[in-house]
Structures are given as structure tokens and as C-alpha cells.
Amino acid sequence: MFKKSIALLLLAFTCLMPAASAAAPPKNIVIMDAKSSHAFVPVRFLKDFDGTQVQWNEAAKQIDVIYQDVCLSMTLGQKKAGVNDRSVLLQDAPFRHNGAVYIPLQPIIQQFGYRLEWHKESDAVQIAAGSSSSVLPVIHRTAGQSDSKPVISEKKSFKVGGRYFNVQMVTVSLMNPKVQMDVVLAGNTPGQVEDLSSIAKRSGAAVAINGTFFDAYTSGSYKAPYGYILSQGAVKMASSGDQRVIFTYDKNNLVRLIAGSEFQQQYEQGFIEGGLQAGPRLLVDGKVSLNVKKEGFKDPKILTGGGARSALGITKDHKLILLTTGGATIPQLAEIMRQAGAYQAMNLDGGASSGLYYNGKYLTAPGRKISNALVIKVQ
């Protein structure tokens, strides 16, 4: 049923007013006012959610939300509202943001009996009604606050254990309506290899970083990728079932790191739109956390060997950090990601595969063709 509800939401009308970007499907997010802690949900999310109906009167700027036998009528910019035939006063007025209309979540809960479950670890909220359920990312903002810049590229230096590491770092604001993610296979086919810059350019990507491990040293033409690779809701490469960490994202750019053992359950629930499996995991809730044996890594030098590294991290405020550096061990890389501001983080393929592309050029040039990449598009 969870998968069915996601499908219904994706088929729902994209926006009551013109969207900020016609090329990309709008993201559904919950906005929480930083001062009052009051939450707001986009009206487009509610349409067809467990049979909920939405009507918009452009002339009157009136929104009618109908669920079962209750009709909640609200007007843009006004706290005065109606529930069936009686008047009510809302704590907050509906407003527009990025071309969409947001309404306060409190009266939806009170009048319709929707159920909420807050996910603090990923700063998200699960909204459920009847057999429908969906998880939306939460952003905290003050009135009039503008969206963060979609992508920021920086060259930084971090001190770890008396040694300085120079890094190339790209930070992506995932909740910016212009940002989209994808995982792209070389040649769009498992087993092929391609230049990272080529993958980025043909994908129309502003940013690209190398992804999963693969058999780079075979003499054969088929260079097998290792681990799950998913794109546009489909499994492009299946894993052998190991426990290595998987980076996942959904259609609202809500990103998570999950253990390999959790993948099947999460995928069946319809949560995952794309992702890739690599590891080891570097950070858990802002702290260095390395358990390479549990993840199935058997190389005795996995924690002691230094080399070129690529990693990704997730911040508490829904930003994605993509980072490359040289000569670091896995423990050193974990500390670098912590200092860079990541709350969750994982290692990607490294060595000659390590590469980071931004704005038409390499920040870190790989030493070989690669198997797959995580790409960021800015519409």
C-alpha cells in the first residue's frame, strides 16, 4: 500500500500554481517555521492522499481540502477558515513558496485525523491516513528566507592527527527546487566503463562523483560493478547480498544511508528512487563509526592503507557533501568528513577511480575510466 500511495502522489497534479521549474517534478517538503515550530505542507501533496480531494479557486485564492465528510476551507494569507458550516481561526495562514501553496499542518491533523511520526535521525516526518503513508523531508526556515544556493564548490584543508589534508568539496542543497539526483552507469549498461566527465556531460549534470567499486583490473571487456545500483526507481545492478552501506534517495531528495540488510524491505516499501552501495560507513549521527568486518570488508589493510579517496556525507539540514582527497586512510577520511560538517557519511570507490567533476571541469581527475557515478543536475 505504501508503494501505491507513492505512485498516487507522483501522478497527482504537480502544482496549483506555476512551478518554479517546469522541467523537474516538484519536491514535496514540510516547512517548519524556525521561530514558532509550526509545520506547513504543500497542498499538492494532499491531492488524492487516501482519497483526499483538493479544490482551488484562483479568483478568491481559496483552498478547499475535503477528506471523507469534512471540508476544510482556507484562504491564502488569511487565518480565518471554515470547517463544513462553521468558522474556525487558524494559528497560521496559508502562503506561497516557490510557486506552491503551503497550508498549516495542524488543522489537517485536527480535522482529518492524519497520523504523524517524526524521524529525527533524517529530519523527516511520516504522514499517514488510512492505507496511505509517505515520508517528507522537513526544512526549517524563517519567513522570507530564500533558498540556499543549489551548489557550492570549495577547496579546503583539514587537520587530522597533526597532518593537513587538502580536499575538493562540493556541497549540494538537496531541498533547493532546482536540484535533481541520478545514478548513471557507464554506457548506461552494467559492466562498461566511461570517463567521469563523459558521464556528467551526457547526463546534463553540474556535478558528478565516482560511485561503487568495480572490477577495474580484469582483462575482459566486462568490468563488473559491485553492490546495488539504482536509478529512477529501478535496480540497475543487484548485489550479492552483502552488508555494505547503501546511499539512497527518494523523489523528494530525502537521502539516507542504510545497511545492506535493510535494502529489500526499504525498496519494497517504495522509499528508494535511486542509490548506490559502497562503504565502509564513516559517520553515524556525527561521530566516527567504523565497523568494516560487519560490512563484509576482508582486506586487512582496509583501515591502514592510504590513497586517493572519494566520499559522500549528509548534513542535518539536508545538504549533500561530495568530497575527494589524497593520501588518506579510511579513519582519516572519516574525521575529514566529520570536520566538513557531515552528520552521516560513507566511503566511495577510491584510488585511480576517485574523481569529482563540477561546472564543466574536473576538480579531481580520475586516473581511469569508471563504472558508474552519482550526478547532480541543476534545472
Protein backbone atom coordinates (compact mmCIF):
# COMPACT_ATOMS: atom_id res chain seq x y z
CA MET A 1 0.00 0.00 0.00
CA PHE A 2 2.94 2.32 0.71
CA LYS A 3 4.16 1.88 -2.86
CA LYS A 4 0.65 2.56 -4.14
CA SER A 5 0.43 5.81 -2.21
CA ILE A 6 3.77 6.98 -3.59
CA ALA A 7 2.56 6.23 -7.11
CA LEU A 8 -0.63 8.21 -6.50
CA LEU A 9 1.36 11.18 -5.26
CA LEU A 10 3.58 11.13 -8.33
CA LEU A 11 0.55 11.08 -10.61
CA ALA A 12 -1.05 13.94 -8.73
CA PHE A 13 -1.15 17.37 -10.27
CA THR A 14 2.23 18.99 -10.00
CA CYS A 15 1.18 22.28 -8.58
CA LEU A 16 -1.81 24.52 -8.03
CA MET A 17 0.13 27.45 -9.45
CA PRO A 18 3.08 27.52 -11.91
CA ALA A 19 6.02 25.60 -10.52
CA ALA A 20 9.47 27.07 -10.06
CA SER A 21 10.89 24.65 -12.61
CA ALA A 22 8.74 23.14 -15.33
CA ALA A 23 11.45 20.67 -16.27
CA ALA A 24 11.60 18.91 -12.90
CA PRO A 25 8.79 17.33 -10.85
CA PRO A 26 8.21 19.46 -7.74
CA LYS A 27 9.50 18.19 -4.42
CA ASN A 28 7.14 17.70 -1.52
CA ILE A 29 8.64 19.05 1.69
CA VAL A 30 7.34 20.07 5.08
CA ILE A 31 8.33 23.62 6.01
CA MET A 32 8.73 24.26 9.72
CA ASP A 33 8.86 27.85 10.92
CA ALA A 34 12.11 28.25 12.84
CA LYS A 35 10.53 30.57 15.42
CA SER A 36 7.13 29.01 16.11
CA SER A 37 7.94 25.37 15.19
CA HIS A 38 4.65 25.30 13.27
CA ALA A 39 4.68 22.99 10.24
CA PHE A 40 3.26 23.51 6.75
CA VAL A 41 2.61 21.00 3.96
CA PRO A 42 2.16 21.67 0.21
CA VAL A 43 -1.43 21.36 -0.94
CA ARG A 44 -0.33 19.34 -3.98
CA PHE A 45 0.85 16.60 -1.61
CA LEU A 46 -2.66 16.17 -0.22
CA LYS A 47 -4.44 15.66 -3.53
CA ASP A 48 -5.54 12.01 -3.76
CA PHE A 49 -3.73 11.16 -0.50
CA ASP A 50 -6.00 8.38 0.81
CA GLY A 51 -8.82 9.86 -1.26
CA THR A 52 -8.32 13.46 -0.16
CA GLN A 53 -9.74 15.98 -2.64
CA VAL A 54 -8.33 19.45 -3.27
CA GLN A 55 -10.11 22.36 -4.98
CA TRP A 56 -8.55 25.72 -5.81
CA ASN A 57 -10.46 28.93 -6.58
CA GLU A 58 -7.97 31.25 -8.27
CA ALA A 59 -10.18 34.34 -8.11
CA ALA A 60 -10.87 34.00 -4.38
CA LYS A 61 -7.47 32.43 -3.57
CA GLN A 62 -9.45 29.78 -1.69
CA ILE A 63 -8.33 26.22 -0.99
CA ASP A 64 -10.87 23.53 -0.14
CA VAL A 65 -9.43 20.29 1.23
CA ILE A 66 -12.00 17.50 1.51
CA TYR A 67 -11.39 14.23 3.37
CA GLN A 68 -14.25 11.81 3.99
CA ASP A 69 -17.11 14.02 5.25
CA VAL A 70 -15.02 17.03 6.33
CA CYS A 71 -14.33 20.09 4.17
CA LEU A 72 -11.61 22.47 5.36
CA SER A 73 -11.77 25.83 3.54
CA MET A 74 -8.82 28.23 3.74
CA THR A 75 -7.81 31.45 2.00
CA LEU A 76 -4.30 32.42 1.02
CA GLY A 77 -2.85 34.86 3.56
CA GLN A 78 -5.78 34.61 5.99
CA LYS A 79 -6.15 32.83 9.34
CA LYS A 80 -9.94 32.76 9.16
CA ALA A 81 -11.10 29.38 7.83
CA GLY A 82 -14.14 27.14 7.68
CA VAL A 83 -14.86 23.53 8.61
CA ASN A 84 -18.05 22.45 6.89
CA ASP A 85 -20.56 25.10 8.04
CA ARG A 86 -18.68 26.59 10.97
CA SER A 87 -15.92 29.19 11.21
CA VAL A 88 -12.53 28.45 12.80
CA LEU A 89 -9.41 30.52 13.43
CA LEU A 90 -6.10 29.03 12.30
CA GLN A 91 -2.82 29.59 14.11
CA ASP A 92 -1.18 30.33 10.76
CA ALA A 93 -2.29 31.43 7.32
CA PRO A 94 -1.60 29.53 4.08
CA PHE A 95 1.18 31.00 1.95
CA ARG A 96 3.03 30.56 -1.33
CA HIS A 97 6.61 29.34 -1.65
CA ASN A 98 8.39 28.50 -4.90
CA GLY A 99 5.11 28.60 -6.79
CA ALA A 100 3.32 26.15 -4.49
CA VAL A 101 0.68 26.80 -1.84
CA TYR A 102 1.51 25.63 1.70
CA ILE A 103 -1.13 25.16 4.37
CA PRO A 104 -0.67 24.66 8.13
CA LEU A 105 -0.39 21.02 9.11
CA GLN A 106 -2.11 21.42 12.49
CA PRO A 107 -5.70 21.77 11.19
CA ILE A 108 -5.14 18.86 8.80
CA ILE A 109 -4.24 16.68 11.78
CA GLN A 110 -7.08 18.01 13.92
CA GLN A 111 -9.84 17.85 11.32
CA PHE A 112 -8.85 14.81 9.25
CA GLY A 113 -7.10 12.64 11.82
CA TYR A 114 -3.93 12.23 9.79
CA ARG A 115 -1.20 10.47 11.77
CA LEU A 116 2.33 11.85 12.15
CA GLU A 117 5.61 10.21 13.09
CA TRP A 118 8.71 12.39 13.29
CA HIS A 119 12.02 10.87 12.14
CA LYS A 120 14.66 12.88 13.95
CA GLU A 121 17.62 10.98 12.51
CA SER A 122 16.76 12.07 8.96
CA ASP A 123 14.81 15.25 9.87
CA ALA A 124 11.66 14.00 8.19
CA VAL A 125 8.03 13.33 9.03
CA GLN A 126 5.91 10.35 8.09
CA ILE A 127 2.32 11.31 7.28
CA ALA A 128 -0.28 8.56 7.24
CA ALA A 129 -4.03 8.36 6.65
CA GLY A 130 -5.96 5.14 6.19
CA SER A 131 -3.79 2.90 3.99
CA SER A 132 -1.68 5.78 2.61
CA SER A 133 1.69 6.80 4.01
CA SER A 134 4.60 8.93 2.88
CA VAL A 135 7.78 10.39 4.35
CA LEU A 136 8.59 14.04 3.66
CA PRO A 137 11.80 15.92 4.47
CA VAL A 138 11.48 18.85 6.88
CA ILE A 139 13.19 22.18 6.29
CA HIS A 140 13.49 24.81 8.99
CA ARG A 141 13.20 28.41 7.85
CA THR A 142 12.14 31.89 8.89
CA ALA A 143 9.62 33.99 6.99
CA GLY A 144 11.06 35.46 3.81
CA GLN A 145 14.19 33.31 3.94
CA SER A 146 15.44 32.45 0.46
CA ASP A 147 16.58 29.01 -0.68
CA SER A 148 20.22 28.07 -0.30
CA LYS A 149 22.39 28.23 -3.39
CA PRO A 150 21.98 24.90 -5.23
CA VAL A 151 25.69 24.03 -5.38
CA ILE A 152 28.81 25.43 -3.69
CA SER A 153 32.34 24.31 -4.61
CA GLU A 154 35.21 24.85 -2.19
CA LYS A 155 38.83 23.87 -1.75
CA LYS A 156 39.56 23.29 1.92
CA SER A 157 42.22 21.96 4.26
CA PHE A 158 41.53 19.82 7.33
CA LYS A 159 43.96 18.86 10.09
CA VAL A 160 43.78 15.25 11.20
CA GLY A 161 46.27 13.90 13.73
CA GLY A 162 48.88 16.57 13.07
CA ARG A 163 48.61 16.26 9.28
CA TYR A 164 46.82 18.56 6.86
CA PHE A 165 44.69 17.17 4.04
CA ASN A 166 43.70 19.31 1.06
CA VAL A 167 40.25 18.44 -0.21
CA GLN A 168 37.93 19.34 -3.04
CA MET A 169 34.44 19.67 -1.69
CA VAL A 170 31.07 20.28 -3.34
CA THR A 171 28.01 20.95 -1.18
CA VAL A 172 24.56 20.43 -2.70
CA SER A 173 21.40 21.90 -1.17
CA LEU A 174 19.07 18.97 -1.77
CA MET A 175 15.89 20.86 -0.88
CA ASN A 176 16.54 23.53 -3.49
CA PRO A 177 13.77 23.01 -6.08
CA LYS A 178 16.29 23.17 -8.93
CA VAL A 179 18.31 20.17 -7.72
CA GLN A 180 17.86 16.62 -9.04
CA MET A 181 19.94 13.48 -8.43
CA ASP A 182 20.61 10.40 -10.51
CA VAL A 183 22.94 7.42 -10.55
CA VAL A 184 24.30 6.78 -14.03
CA LEU A 185 26.01 3.66 -15.38
CA ALA A 186 28.88 3.97 -17.82
CA GLY A 187 27.37 3.44 -21.26
CA ASN A 188 24.05 3.03 -19.46
CA THR A 189 24.95 -0.66 -19.12
CA PRO A 190 26.43 -2.68 -16.22
CA GLY A 191 29.99 -3.76 -16.91
CA GLN A 192 31.02 -0.88 -19.16
CA VAL A 193 33.42 1.93 -18.25
CA GLU A 194 33.44 5.57 -19.28
CA ASP A 195 35.19 8.83 -18.41
CA LEU A 196 33.55 10.59 -15.46
CA SER A 197 33.39 13.82 -17.46
CA SER A 198 31.63 11.98 -20.29
CA ILE A 199 29.02 10.56 -17.89
CA ALA A 200 28.44 14.05 -16.49
CA LYS A 201 28.15 15.79 -19.85
CA ARG A 202 25.73 13.33 -21.45
CA SER A 203 23.62 13.41 -18.27
CA GLY A 204 23.45 17.19 -18.27
CA ALA A 205 24.99 17.18 -14.80
CA ALA A 206 26.52 20.11 -12.97
CA VAL A 207 28.27 17.78 -10.51
CA ALA A 208 29.45 14.17 -10.71
CA ILE A 209 31.44 11.90 -8.42
CA ASN A 210 32.55 8.31 -8.93
CA GLY A 211 30.33 5.68 -7.36
CA THR A 212 30.60 2.00 -6.48
CA PHE A 213 33.54 -0.37 -6.56
CA PHE A 214 34.03 -2.40 -9.75
CA ASP A 215 36.41 -4.94 -11.27
CA ALA A 216 38.81 -2.41 -12.78
CA TYR A 217 41.69 -4.84 -13.26
CA THR A 218 40.12 -7.63 -15.28
CA SER A 219 41.47 -8.11 -18.79
CA GLY A 220 37.97 -8.81 -20.08
CA SER A 221 35.67 -6.20 -21.55
CA TYR A 222 33.05 -6.73 -18.85
CA LYS A 223 34.14 -4.90 -15.69
CA ALA A 224 31.56 -5.91 -13.12
CA PRO A 225 30.29 -3.28 -10.69
CA TYR A 226 29.96 -4.42 -7.07
CA GLY A 227 26.89 -3.66 -4.99
CA TYR A 228 23.45 -2.29 -5.66
CA ILE A 229 22.98 0.42 -8.26
CA LEU A 230 19.54 2.01 -8.59
CA SER A 231 18.18 4.74 -10.84
CA GLN A 232 14.67 6.11 -11.43
CA GLY A 233 13.16 3.55 -9.08
CA ALA A 234 14.70 0.52 -10.83
CA VAL A 235 17.51 -1.82 -9.77
CA LYS A 236 20.17 -1.50 -12.47
CA MET A 237 22.62 -3.81 -10.71
CA ALA A 238 21.76 -6.28 -7.95
CA SER A 239 24.06 -7.00 -5.03
CA SER A 240 25.23 -10.40 -3.87
CA GLY A 241 23.55 -9.64 -0.55
CA ASP A 242 26.46 -8.26 1.42
CA GLN A 243 26.05 -5.83 4.31
CA ARG A 244 27.84 -2.80 2.90
CA VAL A 245 26.19 0.55 3.38
CA ILE A 246 23.90 1.92 0.66
CA PHE A 247 23.29 5.59 -0.12
CA THR A 248 19.63 6.06 -1.09
CA TYR A 249 17.36 8.94 -2.06
CA ASP A 250 13.68 9.36 -2.88
CA LYS A 251 11.77 11.65 -5.24
CA ASN A 252 11.84 14.43 -2.67
CA ASN A 253 15.66 14.20 -2.38
CA LEU A 254 15.37 12.79 1.13
CA VAL A 255 18.65 10.90 1.46
CA ARG A 256 19.67 8.15 3.86
CA LEU A 257 22.43 5.65 4.47
CA ILE A 258 21.10 2.16 5.14
CA ALA A 259 22.71 -1.20 5.80
CA GLY A 260 22.65 -3.79 3.04
CA SER A 261 20.40 -5.96 5.21
CA GLU A 262 17.72 -3.25 5.17
CA PHE A 263 17.65 -2.76 1.41
CA GLN A 264 14.97 -5.22 0.32
CA GLN A 265 12.48 -4.06 2.92
CA GLN A 266 13.06 -0.40 2.14
CA TYR A 267 12.84 -0.95 -1.60
CA GLU A 268 9.59 -2.89 -1.32
CA GLN A 269 8.07 -0.01 0.65
CA GLY A 270 8.65 2.26 -2.33
CA PHE A 271 11.04 4.56 -0.48
CA ILE A 272 14.01 4.31 -2.82
CA GLU A 273 14.20 6.22 -6.10
CA GLY A 274 17.96 5.76 -6.59
CA GLY A 275 21.13 4.80 -4.82
CA LEU A 276 24.47 3.05 -4.80
CA GLN A 277 26.33 0.70 -2.47
CA ALA A 278 29.96 1.15 -1.47
CA GLY A 279 31.35 1.73 2.03
CA PRO A 280 32.57 1.44 4.60
CA ARG A 281 30.35 3.76 6.55
CA LEU A 282 32.35 6.59 8.09
CA LEU A 283 29.99 8.55 10.36
CA VAL A 284 26.85 7.73 12.32
CA ASP A 285 24.99 10.69 13.83
CA GLY A 286 28.01 12.97 13.64
CA LYS A 287 30.50 10.54 15.19
CA VAL A 288 33.23 8.47 13.54
CA SER A 289 31.90 4.91 13.34
CA LEU A 290 33.83 2.20 11.53
CA ASN A 291 32.78 -1.45 11.53
CA VAL A 292 34.42 -2.87 8.42
CA LYS A 293 34.06 -6.52 9.42
CA LYS A 294 30.31 -6.17 9.90
CA GLU A 295 30.07 -4.65 6.43
CA GLY A 296 31.99 -7.56 4.94
CA PHE A 297 35.34 -5.94 4.12
CA LYS A 298 38.11 -8.54 4.35
CA ASP A 299 41.23 -6.67 3.20
CA PRO A 300 43.46 -6.44 6.30
CA LYS A 301 44.72 -3.03 5.10
CA ILE A 302 41.26 -1.51 4.71
CA LEU A 303 41.81 0.75 7.74
CA THR A 304 45.56 1.33 7.46
CA GLY A 305 46.23 1.85 3.77
CA GLY A 306 46.32 5.41 2.43
CA GLY A 307 45.30 6.58 -1.03
CA ALA A 308 43.09 8.79 -3.11
CA ARG A 309 39.62 8.89 -1.58
CA SER A 310 36.10 9.85 -2.53
CA ALA A 311 33.28 10.16 -0.01
CA LEU A 312 29.78 11.49 0.42
CA GLY A 313 28.18 12.93 3.50
CA ILE A 314 24.74 14.06 4.62
CA THR A 315 24.24 17.08 6.87
CA LYS A 316 21.45 17.54 9.40
CA ASP A 317 19.85 20.22 7.20
CA HIS A 318 19.52 18.13 4.01
CA LYS A 319 22.75 19.04 2.28
CA LEU A 320 24.92 16.53 0.42
CA ILE A 321 28.70 16.81 0.74
CA LEU A 322 30.78 15.28 -2.07
CA LEU A 323 34.49 15.23 -1.29
CA THR A 324 37.80 13.98 -2.68
CA THR A 325 41.23 13.98 -1.08
CA GLY A 326 44.58 12.21 -1.44
CA GLY A 327 46.72 10.00 0.79
CA ALA A 328 44.12 9.44 3.49
CA THR A 329 43.34 6.26 5.38
CA ILE A 330 39.70 5.36 5.99
CA PRO A 331 39.83 6.58 9.63
CA GLN A 332 41.41 9.84 8.45
CA LEU A 333 38.72 10.20 5.79
CA ALA A 334 36.05 9.72 8.45
CA GLU A 335 37.49 12.53 10.55
CA ILE A 336 37.74 14.77 7.47
CA MET A 337 34.05 14.21 6.74
CA ARG A 338 33.17 14.99 10.35
CA GLN A 339 35.09 18.25 10.22
CA ALA A 340 33.49 19.05 6.87
CA GLY A 341 30.10 19.10 8.59
CA ALA A 342 28.65 15.71 7.67
CA TYR A 343 26.26 14.00 10.09
CA GLN A 344 26.21 10.71 8.19
CA ALA A 345 28.95 9.69 5.73
CA MET A 346 30.27 6.80 3.64
CA ASN A 347 33.31 5.98 1.55
CA LEU A 348 33.06 5.55 -2.23
CA ASP A 349 35.41 3.79 -4.64
CA GLY A 350 38.86 5.33 -4.43
CA GLY A 351 42.36 5.04 -5.83
CA ALA A 352 42.50 5.73 -9.56
CA SER A 353 38.69 5.84 -9.63
CA SER A 354 38.50 8.87 -7.36
CA GLY A 355 37.13 11.83 -9.28
CA LEU A 356 34.99 14.92 -8.80
CA TYR A 357 33.52 16.99 -11.62
CA TYR A 358 31.93 20.41 -11.32
CA ASN A 359 30.72 23.06 -13.73
CA GLY A 360 32.28 21.55 -16.85
CA LYS A 361 35.70 20.59 -15.49
CA TYR A 362 37.47 18.24 -13.11
CA LEU A 363 38.18 19.30 -9.56
CA THR A 364 39.81 15.89 -9.13
CA ALA A 365 40.62 13.96 -12.30
CA PRO A 366 40.27 10.15 -12.12
CA GLY A 367 43.19 8.05 -13.28
CA ARG A 368 40.94 5.68 -15.23
CA LYS A 369 37.50 5.24 -16.73
CA ILE A 370 34.87 4.37 -14.16
CA SER A 371 31.84 2.12 -13.87
CA ASN A 372 29.16 4.49 -12.54
CA ALA A 373 28.63 7.89 -10.97
CA LEU A 374 26.34 9.88 -8.75
CA VAL A 375 25.32 13.01 -10.67
CA ILE A 376 23.65 16.25 -9.65
CA LYS A 377 21.55 18.20 -12.13
CA VAL A 378 20.51 21.82 -11.63
CA GLN A 379 17.43 22.74 -13.66
